[in-house]
Amino acid sequence: MTPGSTPRMVHTRAPGKINVFLKVGSLQDDGYHDLATAFQSVSLYEDVRAYPADDFSVSVTGTVSLDRVPTDDSNIAIKAAKLLAATTGYTGGVRLEIDKHVPVAGGMGGGSADAAATLLACDTLWGTDLPREKLLELAAQLGADVPFALTGGTAIGTGRGDQLSPALARGQFQWVLVLADFGLSTPVVYHALDEHRERNGRDILPVSSAPNVDMSVLHALRAGDPQMLADTLHNDLQAPALQLEHGLTTVLELGEENGALAGIVSGSGPTVAFLAADLDSALELQIALSAAQLNVVRVTGPVHGARVIAE
């Protein structure tokens, strides 16, 4: 970037995600699990605006509860900006304004979307122009879901979920999301899963240390067939999430009683995602769940990953 051409502000946008399939491997010695997941990015977005500054700061607004969002150096967007600066040798700072619409601690990767959008915004604002592959490397250092927030679309994630392979998905899928007014801690949900497996080890099949995504999921995505996908939705973290928050079971039952092809807890929850047969069915389901006093959002997927928005 030539001197004097630094933009006054860069606006980026990154999507939340649904795990349409998630298998969790056995607990490893380092306290983590390998995963096999199929991600789909959906049209519920985080917006980040980056302004030139001498230091690093962040402010947050949005349509979701912000009680659990830090505005100090522990915010993942600040971590993303500082990581990019350290990697590229940039000596200035950035003022970040985040407009959040993905639920906080909702199992949809909202924080990861903030980090991805920030990496792209600062790379553009500062003119550091890192190759896409390098941005993905930095994203993986910030969290397992951050690389997918950069790429978007539909992808298979393995390892910790950050080793991505694109997956072909034909057409658009219609989703209706029920957003909770509370969050669930991802480590707590994983711990509940480990405890369940330990208690019931004699009664359940052995857990693989390196799980795989079922081929039926890939076939359903490739066919663009919502009924096929509904039949293959799976999440190992759903049972512990339901155990921790019993009310989610009622939400799942209500959605399926009102025409959803299937419902699934997204990631570690507590967001519940319902797959609808088509747009009309999604609209009817949205109306029915809203009438039950639930916080409902209708979205489509897949959508693009993090991108710069022209002002």
Protein backbone atom coordinates (compact mmCIF):
# COMPACT_ATOMS: atom_id res chain seq x y z
CA MET A 1 0.00 0.00 0.00
CA THR A 2 1.44 3.37 -0.96
CA PRO A 3 2.06 6.09 1.64
CA GLY A 4 -1.02 8.18 2.35
CA SER A 5 -3.41 5.54 1.05
CA THR A 6 -4.23 3.97 4.43
CA PRO A 7 -8.04 3.71 4.65
CA ARG A 8 -9.82 5.61 7.40
CA MET A 9 -11.88 2.54 8.28
CA VAL A 10 -12.29 -1.05 7.10
CA HIS A 11 -15.59 -2.90 7.58
CA THR A 12 -15.55 -6.70 7.53
CA ARG A 13 -18.24 -9.32 8.13
CA ALA A 14 -17.96 -12.98 9.11
CA PRO A 15 -20.68 -15.62 9.59
CA GLY A 16 -21.70 -17.87 12.42
CA LYS A 17 -21.79 -21.61 11.83
CA ILE A 18 -23.78 -24.74 12.50
CA ASN A 19 -22.13 -28.11 13.07
CA VAL A 20 -24.41 -30.37 11.04
CA PHE A 21 -22.32 -33.32 12.17
CA LEU A 22 -19.95 -33.58 15.12
CA LYS A 23 -18.17 -36.60 16.53
CA VAL A 24 -15.85 -36.13 19.48
CA GLY A 25 -12.85 -38.43 19.90
CA SER A 26 -11.62 -39.82 23.18
CA LEU A 27 -10.01 -37.58 25.79
CA GLN A 28 -6.29 -37.30 25.13
CA ASP A 29 -3.39 -36.83 27.51
CA ASP A 30 -3.24 -33.08 26.84
CA GLY A 31 -6.88 -32.66 27.89
CA TYR A 32 -8.18 -32.10 24.35
CA HIS A 33 -10.17 -34.19 21.88
CA ASP A 34 -9.82 -34.74 18.17
CA LEU A 35 -13.00 -33.99 16.24
CA ALA A 36 -14.70 -34.91 13.01
CA THR A 37 -17.22 -32.26 12.03
CA ALA A 38 -19.12 -30.89 9.07
CA PHE A 39 -19.48 -27.11 9.31
CA GLN A 40 -21.98 -24.97 7.47
CA SER A 41 -21.74 -21.18 7.63
CA VAL A 42 -25.10 -19.41 7.91
CA SER A 43 -26.46 -15.93 7.30
CA LEU A 44 -26.11 -14.66 10.86
CA TYR A 45 -23.16 -12.33 10.96
CA GLU A 46 -20.66 -10.46 13.10
CA ASP A 47 -19.57 -7.04 11.79
CA VAL A 48 -16.19 -5.54 12.65
CA ARG A 49 -15.08 -2.00 11.86
CA ALA A 50 -11.38 -1.25 12.25
CA TYR A 51 -9.99 2.30 12.60
CA PRO A 52 -6.35 3.44 12.73
CA ALA A 53 -5.11 3.98 16.30
CA ASP A 54 -1.92 4.11 18.31
CA ASP A 55 -3.00 1.34 20.70
CA PHE A 56 -5.50 -1.55 20.76
CA SER A 57 -9.10 -1.17 21.95
CA VAL A 58 -12.49 -2.74 21.32
CA SER A 59 -16.11 -1.73 21.89
CA VAL A 60 -19.08 -4.05 21.40
CA THR A 61 -22.73 -3.52 20.50
CA GLY A 62 -25.31 -5.90 19.08
CA THR A 63 -28.66 -7.62 19.18
CA VAL A 64 -27.59 -10.41 21.57
CA SER A 65 -26.70 -10.36 25.26
CA LEU A 66 -23.23 -8.88 25.69
CA ASP A 67 -22.75 -9.62 29.41
CA ARG A 68 -20.08 -12.24 28.75
CA VAL A 69 -18.11 -10.28 26.15
CA PRO A 70 -14.87 -8.79 27.53
CA THR A 71 -13.60 -5.46 26.24
CA ASP A 72 -10.04 -5.82 27.52
CA ASP A 73 -7.05 -7.69 26.11
CA SER A 74 -8.80 -11.03 26.70
CA ASN A 75 -11.25 -10.27 23.86
CA ILE A 76 -10.42 -12.62 20.98
CA ALA A 77 -10.59 -9.76 18.47
CA ILE A 78 -7.85 -7.89 20.34
CA LYS A 79 -5.83 -11.13 20.43
CA ALA A 80 -6.29 -11.47 16.66
CA ALA A 81 -5.15 -7.91 15.99
CA LYS A 82 -2.11 -8.22 18.24
CA LEU A 83 -1.16 -11.57 16.70
CA LEU A 84 -1.27 -10.07 13.21
CA ALA A 85 0.77 -7.05 14.34
CA ALA A 86 3.40 -9.27 15.98
CA THR A 87 3.59 -11.52 12.92
CA THR A 88 3.98 -8.70 10.41
CA GLY A 89 6.04 -6.29 12.51
CA TYR A 90 3.30 -3.63 12.42
CA THR A 91 3.99 -1.09 15.19
CA GLY A 92 0.66 0.77 15.36
CA GLY A 93 -2.65 -0.27 16.85
CA VAL A 94 -6.33 -0.43 15.95
CA ARG A 95 -9.67 0.65 17.35
CA LEU A 96 -12.24 -2.10 16.81
CA GLU A 97 -16.01 -1.74 16.86
CA ILE A 98 -17.88 -5.05 16.87
CA ASP A 99 -21.58 -5.39 16.09
CA LYS A 100 -22.63 -8.85 17.33
CA HIS A 101 -25.59 -10.88 16.10
CA VAL A 102 -24.32 -14.41 16.72
CA PRO A 103 -25.24 -15.50 20.27
CA VAL A 104 -22.44 -15.37 22.84
CA ALA A 105 -21.42 -18.83 24.12
CA GLY A 106 -24.17 -20.19 21.87
CA GLY A 107 -22.31 -22.91 19.99
CA MET A 108 -22.26 -20.95 16.73
CA GLY A 109 -18.70 -19.61 16.73
CA GLY A 110 -19.48 -15.94 17.28
CA GLY A 111 -16.14 -15.20 18.92
CA SER A 112 -14.37 -17.08 16.14
CA ALA A 113 -16.19 -14.95 13.58
CA ASP A 114 -15.01 -11.82 15.43
CA ALA A 115 -11.43 -13.06 15.25
CA ALA A 116 -11.63 -13.93 11.56
CA ALA A 117 -13.24 -10.61 10.67
CA THR A 118 -10.59 -8.77 12.70
CA LEU A 119 -7.69 -10.56 10.99
CA LEU A 120 -9.08 -9.57 7.61
CA ALA A 121 -9.94 -6.02 8.68
CA CYS A 122 -6.51 -5.29 10.17
CA ASP A 123 -4.68 -6.94 7.28
CA THR A 124 -6.58 -4.62 4.94
CA LEU A 125 -6.34 -1.51 7.14
CA TRP A 126 -2.61 -1.89 7.76
CA GLY A 127 -1.76 -2.96 4.22
CA THR A 128 0.09 -6.03 5.50
CA ASP A 129 -1.45 -8.13 2.69
CA LEU A 130 -0.70 -11.57 4.08
CA PRO A 131 -1.36 -14.54 1.79
CA ARG A 132 -4.58 -16.41 2.51
CA GLU A 133 -2.64 -19.44 3.73
CA LYS A 134 -0.81 -17.35 6.33
CA LEU A 135 -4.06 -15.79 7.57
CA LEU A 136 -5.44 -19.31 8.01
CA GLU A 137 -2.33 -20.27 10.01
CA LEU A 138 -2.87 -17.31 12.33
CA ALA A 139 -6.57 -18.13 12.58
CA ALA A 140 -5.77 -21.66 13.75
CA GLN A 141 -3.58 -20.22 16.53
CA LEU A 142 -6.57 -18.25 17.82
CA GLY A 143 -9.09 -21.10 18.00
CA ALA A 144 -10.31 -24.24 16.26
CA ASP A 145 -13.33 -22.55 14.63
CA VAL A 146 -11.54 -19.40 13.43
CA PRO A 147 -10.18 -20.82 10.14
CA PHE A 148 -13.68 -21.88 9.10
CA ALA A 149 -15.05 -18.40 9.85
CA LEU A 150 -12.47 -17.13 7.35
CA THR A 151 -13.36 -19.64 4.62
CA GLY A 152 -17.11 -20.08 5.16
CA GLY A 153 -19.19 -22.29 2.90
CA THR A 154 -19.34 -25.95 3.89
CA ALA A 155 -16.29 -27.84 5.10
CA ILE A 156 -15.10 -30.91 6.93
CA GLY A 157 -13.00 -30.22 10.01
CA THR A 158 -10.67 -32.76 11.59
CA GLY A 159 -7.95 -32.66 14.22
CA ARG A 160 -9.13 -30.01 16.66
CA GLY A 161 -11.59 -28.93 13.99
CA ASP A 162 -9.11 -26.54 12.37
CA GLN A 163 -7.84 -28.88 9.63
CA LEU A 164 -10.32 -27.97 6.90
CA SER A 165 -11.30 -29.67 3.67
CA PRO A 166 -13.95 -28.02 1.46
CA ALA A 167 -17.15 -30.01 1.02
CA LEU A 168 -19.46 -29.62 -1.95
CA ALA A 169 -22.94 -28.46 -0.94
CA ARG A 170 -25.53 -27.93 -3.65
CA GLY A 171 -28.22 -25.28 -3.27
CA GLN A 172 -29.29 -23.59 -0.05
CA PHE A 173 -30.51 -25.09 3.20
CA GLN A 174 -33.19 -23.36 5.27
CA TRP A 175 -32.55 -23.19 9.01
CA VAL A 176 -34.57 -21.80 11.90
CA LEU A 177 -32.50 -21.02 15.00
CA VAL A 178 -33.75 -20.76 18.55
CA LEU A 179 -31.39 -18.50 20.48
CA ALA A 180 -31.18 -18.99 24.24
CA ASP A 181 -30.98 -16.16 26.75
CA PHE A 182 -28.07 -17.94 28.45
CA GLY A 183 -24.76 -19.44 27.37
CA LEU A 184 -23.09 -22.79 27.85
CA SER A 185 -19.37 -23.10 28.54
CA THR A 186 -17.71 -25.27 25.90
CA PRO A 187 -15.22 -26.79 28.40
CA VAL A 188 -18.09 -27.61 30.79
CA VAL A 189 -20.02 -29.41 28.03
CA TYR A 190 -16.95 -31.40 27.00
CA HIS A 191 -16.32 -32.32 30.63
CA ALA A 192 -19.91 -33.55 30.97
CA LEU A 193 -19.38 -35.71 27.86
CA ASP A 194 -16.18 -37.20 29.31
CA GLU A 195 -17.92 -37.93 32.61
CA HIS A 196 -20.82 -39.62 30.80
CA ARG A 197 -18.43 -41.81 28.82
CA GLU A 198 -16.51 -42.76 31.94
CA ARG A 199 -19.66 -43.66 33.88
CA ASN A 200 -21.15 -45.69 31.04
CA GLY A 201 -18.00 -47.13 29.49
CA ARG A 202 -19.24 -50.70 29.77
CA ASP A 203 -22.52 -49.95 27.98
CA ILE A 204 -21.34 -47.84 25.02
CA LEU A 205 -19.14 -48.61 22.07
CA PRO A 206 -15.45 -47.73 22.39
CA VAL A 207 -14.73 -44.14 21.37
CA SER A 208 -12.23 -43.61 18.58
CA SER A 209 -9.32 -41.26 19.19
CA ALA A 210 -9.58 -40.08 15.55
CA PRO A 211 -13.26 -40.00 14.47
CA ASN A 212 -14.51 -39.54 10.88
CA VAL A 213 -17.46 -37.78 9.28
CA ASP A 214 -20.01 -40.28 8.01
CA MET A 215 -20.17 -40.50 4.21
CA SER A 216 -23.96 -40.15 4.39
CA VAL A 217 -23.48 -36.55 5.51
CA LEU A 218 -21.31 -35.75 2.50
CA HIS A 219 -23.82 -37.40 0.16
CA ALA A 220 -26.67 -35.34 1.64
CA LEU A 221 -24.75 -32.07 1.31
CA ARG A 222 -23.67 -32.89 -2.23
CA ALA A 223 -27.25 -33.72 -3.20
CA GLY A 224 -28.60 -30.51 -1.64
CA ASP A 225 -31.36 -32.65 -0.15
CA PRO A 226 -32.67 -31.35 3.21
CA GLN A 227 -34.46 -34.59 4.08
CA MET A 228 -31.28 -36.59 3.49
CA LEU A 229 -29.32 -34.12 5.63
CA ALA A 230 -31.97 -34.21 8.35
CA ASP A 231 -31.55 -37.98 8.59
CA THR A 232 -27.78 -37.61 9.14
CA LEU A 233 -27.63 -34.71 11.63
CA HIS A 234 -25.53 -35.76 14.62
CA ASN A 235 -23.79 -34.08 17.55
CA ASP A 236 -21.95 -35.94 20.32
CA LEU A 237 -22.19 -32.80 22.48
CA GLN A 238 -26.00 -32.69 22.31
CA ALA A 239 -26.61 -35.20 25.10
CA PRO A 240 -24.40 -33.44 27.66
CA ALA A 241 -25.86 -30.06 26.64
CA LEU A 242 -29.38 -31.42 27.23
CA GLN A 243 -28.24 -32.86 30.54
CA LEU A 244 -26.95 -29.45 31.62
CA GLU A 245 -30.00 -27.53 30.34
CA HIS A 246 -33.13 -29.70 30.39
CA GLY A 247 -35.23 -27.00 28.75
CA LEU A 248 -33.46 -27.59 25.43
CA THR A 249 -35.26 -30.93 25.15
CA THR A 250 -38.60 -29.10 25.19
CA VAL A 251 -37.36 -26.74 22.47
CA LEU A 252 -36.28 -29.66 20.26
CA GLU A 253 -39.65 -31.37 20.70
CA LEU A 254 -41.56 -28.16 19.95
CA GLY A 255 -39.69 -27.57 16.71
CA GLU A 256 -40.19 -31.09 15.43
CA GLU A 257 -43.89 -30.95 16.37
CA ASN A 258 -44.21 -27.83 14.20
CA GLY A 259 -42.79 -29.17 10.97
CA ALA A 260 -39.00 -29.19 11.31
CA LEU A 261 -37.38 -32.06 9.45
CA ALA A 262 -34.97 -32.37 12.38
CA GLY A 263 -33.42 -30.32 15.15
CA ILE A 264 -29.92 -30.32 16.56
CA VAL A 265 -28.01 -28.49 19.27
CA SER A 266 -25.36 -26.43 17.48
CA GLY A 267 -21.85 -27.22 18.69
CA SER A 268 -21.70 -27.09 22.48
CA GLY A 269 -25.04 -25.26 22.58
CA PRO A 270 -27.35 -23.86 23.69
CA THR A 271 -28.50 -22.63 20.25
CA VAL A 272 -30.90 -25.13 18.67
CA ALA A 273 -30.94 -25.34 14.87
CA PHE A 274 -33.94 -26.71 13.00
CA LEU A 275 -33.67 -27.80 9.38
CA ALA A 276 -36.73 -27.03 7.24
CA ALA A 277 -37.79 -28.62 3.96
CA ASP A 278 -38.07 -25.30 2.09
CA LEU A 279 -38.59 -21.56 2.57
CA ASP A 280 -42.35 -21.83 3.19
CA SER A 281 -41.81 -24.49 5.83
CA ALA A 282 -39.09 -22.38 7.47
CA LEU A 283 -41.42 -19.36 7.61
CA GLU A 284 -44.21 -21.42 9.17
CA LEU A 285 -41.81 -22.86 11.74
CA GLN A 286 -40.44 -19.42 12.54
CA ILE A 287 -43.96 -18.14 13.20
CA ALA A 288 -44.89 -21.13 15.37
CA LEU A 289 -41.77 -20.92 17.52
CA SER A 290 -42.06 -17.14 17.85
CA ALA A 291 -45.65 -17.62 19.04
CA ALA A 292 -44.23 -19.85 21.79
CA GLN A 293 -42.25 -16.80 23.02
CA LEU A 294 -38.92 -18.15 21.80
CA ASN A 295 -36.17 -15.96 20.33
CA VAL A 296 -36.11 -17.15 16.74
CA VAL A 297 -33.99 -16.27 13.70
CA ARG A 298 -34.39 -17.72 10.20
CA VAL A 299 -31.13 -18.16 8.25
CA THR A 300 -29.80 -19.88 5.16
CA GLY A 301 -26.58 -21.73 4.47
CA PRO A 302 -24.00 -22.04 3.19
CA VAL A 303 -22.73 -18.45 2.89
CA HIS A 304 -19.33 -16.87 2.23
CA GLY A 305 -16.72 -16.55 4.94
CA ALA A 306 -15.12 -13.33 6.20
CA ARG A 307 -15.07 -10.57 3.62
CA VAL A 308 -14.58 -6.82 3.30
CA ILE A 309 -17.79 -4.81 3.03
CA ALA A 310 -17.77 -1.69 0.89
CA GLU A 311 -19.05 1.37 2.74
